[in-house]
Amino acid sequence: MKYACLIYGDGDPVDSLPHNELENVIAQALAYTEDLRHKGHFLGGEALEPVQTATTIRRRNGKLSMTDGPFAETKEHLAGFFLVEAGDLNDAIRIASTHPSACWDAIEIRPVRELRLSS
C-alpha cells in the first residue's frame, strides 16, 4: 500500500543551523532516501521551497482566485513529502519514524487513495 509522508515544520530549527550542520542534515536525509530506495520502499518525494513562495488557488462558481502564501494560517507548514510503499500503517510508521527530520518536525502519514474509473 502507498503512504504519503508529509513533513510539517515551522522552519526555524533548520533555518538557524550553521552551514556545516545544515549540510550534515541534508546528507542524512539523502542517505535515508537512498536506504529506502535500496529496500524498495521509496516511490518519490521532494523538499519544498519556503512557505513564502506558495500560491493558493481556488475555483468557485467558475471564478479563479489566487492568494499569496499557504492555505492555512498556522505555525507549521508543509516542508516536504515522500511517498513510500509499505505493508500496512504500522510499517509506514516504522519507515517514517527514522526520517532525520522526525527529530524536529512532524510527519503526517496518510494512505494514498488510488483513483480508478469503474469499467
C-alpha atoms as a PDB file:
ATOM      1  CA  MET A   1       0.000   0.000   0.000  1.00  0.00           C
ATOM      2  CA  LYS A   2       1.209   3.517  -0.756  1.00  0.00           C
ATOM      3  CA  TYR A   3       1.546   6.095   2.025  1.00  0.00           C
ATOM      4  CA  ALA A   4       2.270   9.799   1.689  1.00  0.00           C
ATOM      5  CA  CYS A   5       4.531  11.084   4.456  1.00  0.00           C
ATOM      6  CA  LEU A   6       4.017  14.828   4.780  1.00  0.00           C
ATOM      7  CA  ILE A   7       6.686  16.729   6.687  1.00  0.00           C
ATOM      8  CA  TYR A   8       5.429  19.748   8.640  1.00  0.00           C
ATOM      9  CA  GLY A   9       7.641  22.232  10.452  1.00  0.00           C
ATOM     10  CA  ASP A  10       7.997  25.886  11.239  1.00  0.00           C
ATOM     11  CA  GLY A  11      11.399  26.014   9.557  1.00  0.00           C
ATOM     12  CA  ASP A  12      13.193  27.646  12.464  1.00  0.00           C
ATOM     13  CA  PRO A  13      15.321  24.690  13.652  1.00  0.00           C
ATOM     14  CA  VAL A  14      16.770  24.006  10.207  1.00  0.00           C
ATOM     15  CA  ASP A  15      16.957  27.631   9.035  1.00  0.00           C
ATOM     16  CA  SER A  16      19.044  28.615  12.039  1.00  0.00           C
ATOM     17  CA  LEU A  17      21.638  25.856  11.634  1.00  0.00           C
ATOM     18  CA  PRO A  18      25.209  26.776  10.720  1.00  0.00           C
ATOM     19  CA  HIS A  19      26.095  25.839   7.141  1.00  0.00           C
ATOM     20  CA  ASN A  20      28.134  22.752   8.084  1.00  0.00           C
ATOM     21  CA  GLU A  21      25.331  21.394  10.297  1.00  0.00           C
ATOM     22  CA  LEU A  22      22.765  22.047   7.561  1.00  0.00           C
ATOM     23  CA  GLU A  23      24.978  20.133   5.122  1.00  0.00           C
ATOM     24  CA  ASN A  24      25.039  17.248   7.630  1.00  0.00           C
ATOM     25  CA  VAL A  25      21.223  17.248   7.894  1.00  0.00           C
ATOM     26  CA  ILE A  26      20.929  17.203   4.096  1.00  0.00           C
ATOM     27  CA  ALA A  27      23.436  14.336   3.874  1.00  0.00           C
ATOM     28  CA  GLN A  28      21.420  12.364   6.460  1.00  0.00           C
ATOM     29  CA  ALA A  29      18.184  12.937   4.526  1.00  0.00           C
ATOM     30  CA  LEU A  30      19.788  11.854   1.246  1.00  0.00           C
ATOM     31  CA  ALA A  31      21.251   8.734   2.887  1.00  0.00           C
ATOM     32  CA  TYR A  32      17.824   7.946   4.378  1.00  0.00           C
ATOM     33  CA  THR A  33      16.211   8.278   0.942  1.00  0.00           C
ATOM     34  CA  GLU A  34      18.844   6.067  -0.666  1.00  0.00           C
ATOM     35  CA  ASP A  35      18.328   3.424   2.053  1.00  0.00           C
ATOM     36  CA  LEU A  36      14.551   3.451   1.417  1.00  0.00           C
ATOM     37  CA  ARG A  37      15.172   3.192  -2.333  1.00  0.00           C
ATOM     38  CA  HIS A  38      17.521   0.239  -1.804  1.00  0.00           C
ATOM     39  CA  LYS A  39      14.883  -1.526   0.364  1.00  0.00           C
ATOM     40  CA  GLY A  40      12.153  -0.926  -2.236  1.00  0.00           C
ATOM     41  CA  HIS A  41      10.078   1.471  -0.124  1.00  0.00           C
ATOM     42  CA  PHE A  42      10.830   4.835  -1.746  1.00  0.00           C
ATOM     43  CA  LEU A  43       8.423   5.865  -4.501  1.00  0.00           C
ATOM     44  CA  GLY A  44       9.236   9.577  -4.696  1.00  0.00           C
ATOM     45  CA  GLY A  45       9.465  12.789  -2.758  1.00  0.00           C
ATOM     46  CA  GLU A  46      10.806  16.306  -2.651  1.00  0.00           C
ATOM     47  CA  ALA A  47      11.687  19.088  -0.266  1.00  0.00           C
ATOM     48  CA  LEU A  48       9.652  22.233  -0.843  1.00  0.00           C
ATOM     49  CA  GLU A  49      10.737  25.860  -1.082  1.00  0.00           C
ATOM     50  CA  PRO A  50       9.791  28.081   1.893  1.00  0.00           C
ATOM     51  CA  VAL A  51       6.122  28.767   2.527  1.00  0.00           C
ATOM     52  CA  GLN A  52       6.587  32.397   1.452  1.00  0.00           C
ATOM     53  CA  THR A  53       6.900  31.132  -2.143  1.00  0.00           C
ATOM     54  CA  ALA A  54       3.491  29.386  -2.088  1.00  0.00           C
ATOM     55  CA  THR A  55       0.432  30.424  -4.085  1.00  0.00           C
ATOM     56  CA  THR A  56      -3.025  29.077  -3.233  1.00  0.00           C
ATOM     57  CA  ILE A  57      -5.729  28.919  -5.879  1.00  0.00           C
ATOM     58  CA  ARG A  58      -9.458  28.251  -5.637  1.00  0.00           C
ATOM     59  CA  ARG A  59     -12.124  27.952  -8.301  1.00  0.00           C
ATOM     60  CA  ARG A  60     -15.598  28.845  -7.024  1.00  0.00           C
ATOM     61  CA  ASN A  61     -18.641  29.429  -9.201  1.00  0.00           C
ATOM     62  CA  GLY A  62     -16.452  29.450 -12.303  1.00  0.00           C
ATOM     63  CA  LYS A  63     -14.109  32.163 -10.958  1.00  0.00           C
ATOM     64  CA  LEU A  64     -10.471  31.607 -10.127  1.00  0.00           C
ATOM     65  CA  SER A  65      -8.942  33.368  -7.149  1.00  0.00           C
ATOM     66  CA  MET A  66      -5.300  33.384  -6.112  1.00  0.00           C
ATOM     67  CA  THR A  67      -3.715  34.155  -2.770  1.00  0.00           C
ATOM     68  CA  ASP A  68      -0.032  34.524  -1.995  1.00  0.00           C
ATOM     69  CA  GLY A  69       1.122  32.084   0.644  1.00  0.00           C
ATOM     70  CA  PRO A  70      -0.205  28.831   2.010  1.00  0.00           C
ATOM     71  CA  PHE A  71      -3.851  27.896   2.545  1.00  0.00           C
ATOM     72  CA  ALA A  72      -3.646  27.629   6.330  1.00  0.00           C
ATOM     73  CA  GLU A  73      -2.527  30.341   8.728  1.00  0.00           C
ATOM     74  CA  THR A  74      -0.606  28.117  11.110  1.00  0.00           C
ATOM     75  CA  LYS A  75       2.820  27.997  12.700  1.00  0.00           C
ATOM     76  CA  GLU A  76       3.753  24.770  10.924  1.00  0.00           C
ATOM     77  CA  HIS A  77       3.730  24.427   7.141  1.00  0.00           C
ATOM     78  CA  LEU A  78       4.293  21.635   4.651  1.00  0.00           C
ATOM     79  CA  ALA A  79       8.055  21.477   4.161  1.00  0.00           C
ATOM     80  CA  GLY A  80       8.314  18.366   2.026  1.00  0.00           C
ATOM     81  CA  PHE A  81       6.931  14.928   1.371  1.00  0.00           C
ATOM     82  CA  PHE A  82       7.927  11.426   0.470  1.00  0.00           C
ATOM     83  CA  LEU A  83       5.891   8.559  -0.880  1.00  0.00           C
ATOM     84  CA  VAL A  84       6.544   5.038   0.361  1.00  0.00           C
ATOM     85  CA  GLU A  85       5.332   1.522  -0.303  1.00  0.00           C
ATOM     86  CA  ALA A  86       4.551  -0.199   2.995  1.00  0.00           C
ATOM     87  CA  GLY A  87       2.761  -3.348   4.085  1.00  0.00           C
ATOM     88  CA  ASP A  88       0.388  -1.505   6.403  1.00  0.00           C
ATOM     89  CA  LEU A  89       0.153   1.605   8.577  1.00  0.00           C
ATOM     90  CA  ASN A  90       2.497   0.177  11.214  1.00  0.00           C
ATOM     91  CA  ASP A  91       5.111  -0.480   8.540  1.00  0.00           C
ATOM     92  CA  ALA A  92       4.669   3.075   7.204  1.00  0.00           C
ATOM     93  CA  ILE A  93       5.089   4.453  10.740  1.00  0.00           C
ATOM     94  CA  ARG A  94       8.275   2.410  11.177  1.00  0.00           C
ATOM     95  CA  ILE A  95       9.638   3.712   7.882  1.00  0.00           C
ATOM     96  CA  ALA A  96       8.743   7.375   8.508  1.00  0.00           C
ATOM     97  CA  SER A  97       9.914   7.374  12.121  1.00  0.00           C
ATOM     98  CA  THR A  98      13.534   7.011  11.033  1.00  0.00           C
ATOM     99  CA  HIS A  99      13.467  10.078   8.753  1.00  0.00           C
ATOM    100  CA  PRO A 100      16.034  12.570  10.099  1.00  0.00           C
ATOM    101  CA  SER A 101      13.514  15.427  10.279  1.00  0.00           C
ATOM    102  CA  ALA A 102      11.286  13.433  12.654  1.00  0.00           C
ATOM    103  CA  CYS A 103      13.597  14.804  15.365  1.00  0.00           C
ATOM    104  CA  TRP A 104      12.319  18.375  14.911  1.00  0.00           C
ATOM    105  CA  ASP A 105       9.335  18.290  12.521  1.00  0.00           C
ATOM    106  CA  ALA A 106       6.024  16.437  12.479  1.00  0.00           C
ATOM    107  CA  ILE A 107       5.437  13.772   9.839  1.00  0.00           C
ATOM    108  CA  GLU A 108       1.837  13.089   8.883  1.00  0.00           C
ATOM    109  CA  ILE A 109       1.356   9.630   7.412  1.00  0.00           C
ATOM    110  CA  ARG A 110      -1.644   9.245   5.153  1.00  0.00           C
ATOM    111  CA  PRO A 111      -2.741   6.337   2.936  1.00  0.00           C
ATOM    112  CA  VAL A 112      -2.819   7.212  -0.744  1.00  0.00           C
ATOM    113  CA  ARG A 113      -6.246   6.911  -2.322  1.00  0.00           C
ATOM    114  CA  GLU A 114      -5.959   5.125  -5.637  1.00  0.00           C
ATOM    115  CA  LEU A 115      -8.421   6.747  -8.061  1.00  0.00           C
ATOM    116  CA  ARG A 116      -9.723   4.434 -10.736  1.00  0.00           C
ATOM    117  CA  LEU A 117     -12.578   4.712 -13.183  1.00  0.00           C
ATOM    118  CA  SER A 118     -15.023   1.832 -12.997  1.00  0.00           C
ATOM    119  CA  SER A 119     -15.223  -0.311 -16.125  1.00  0.00           C
END
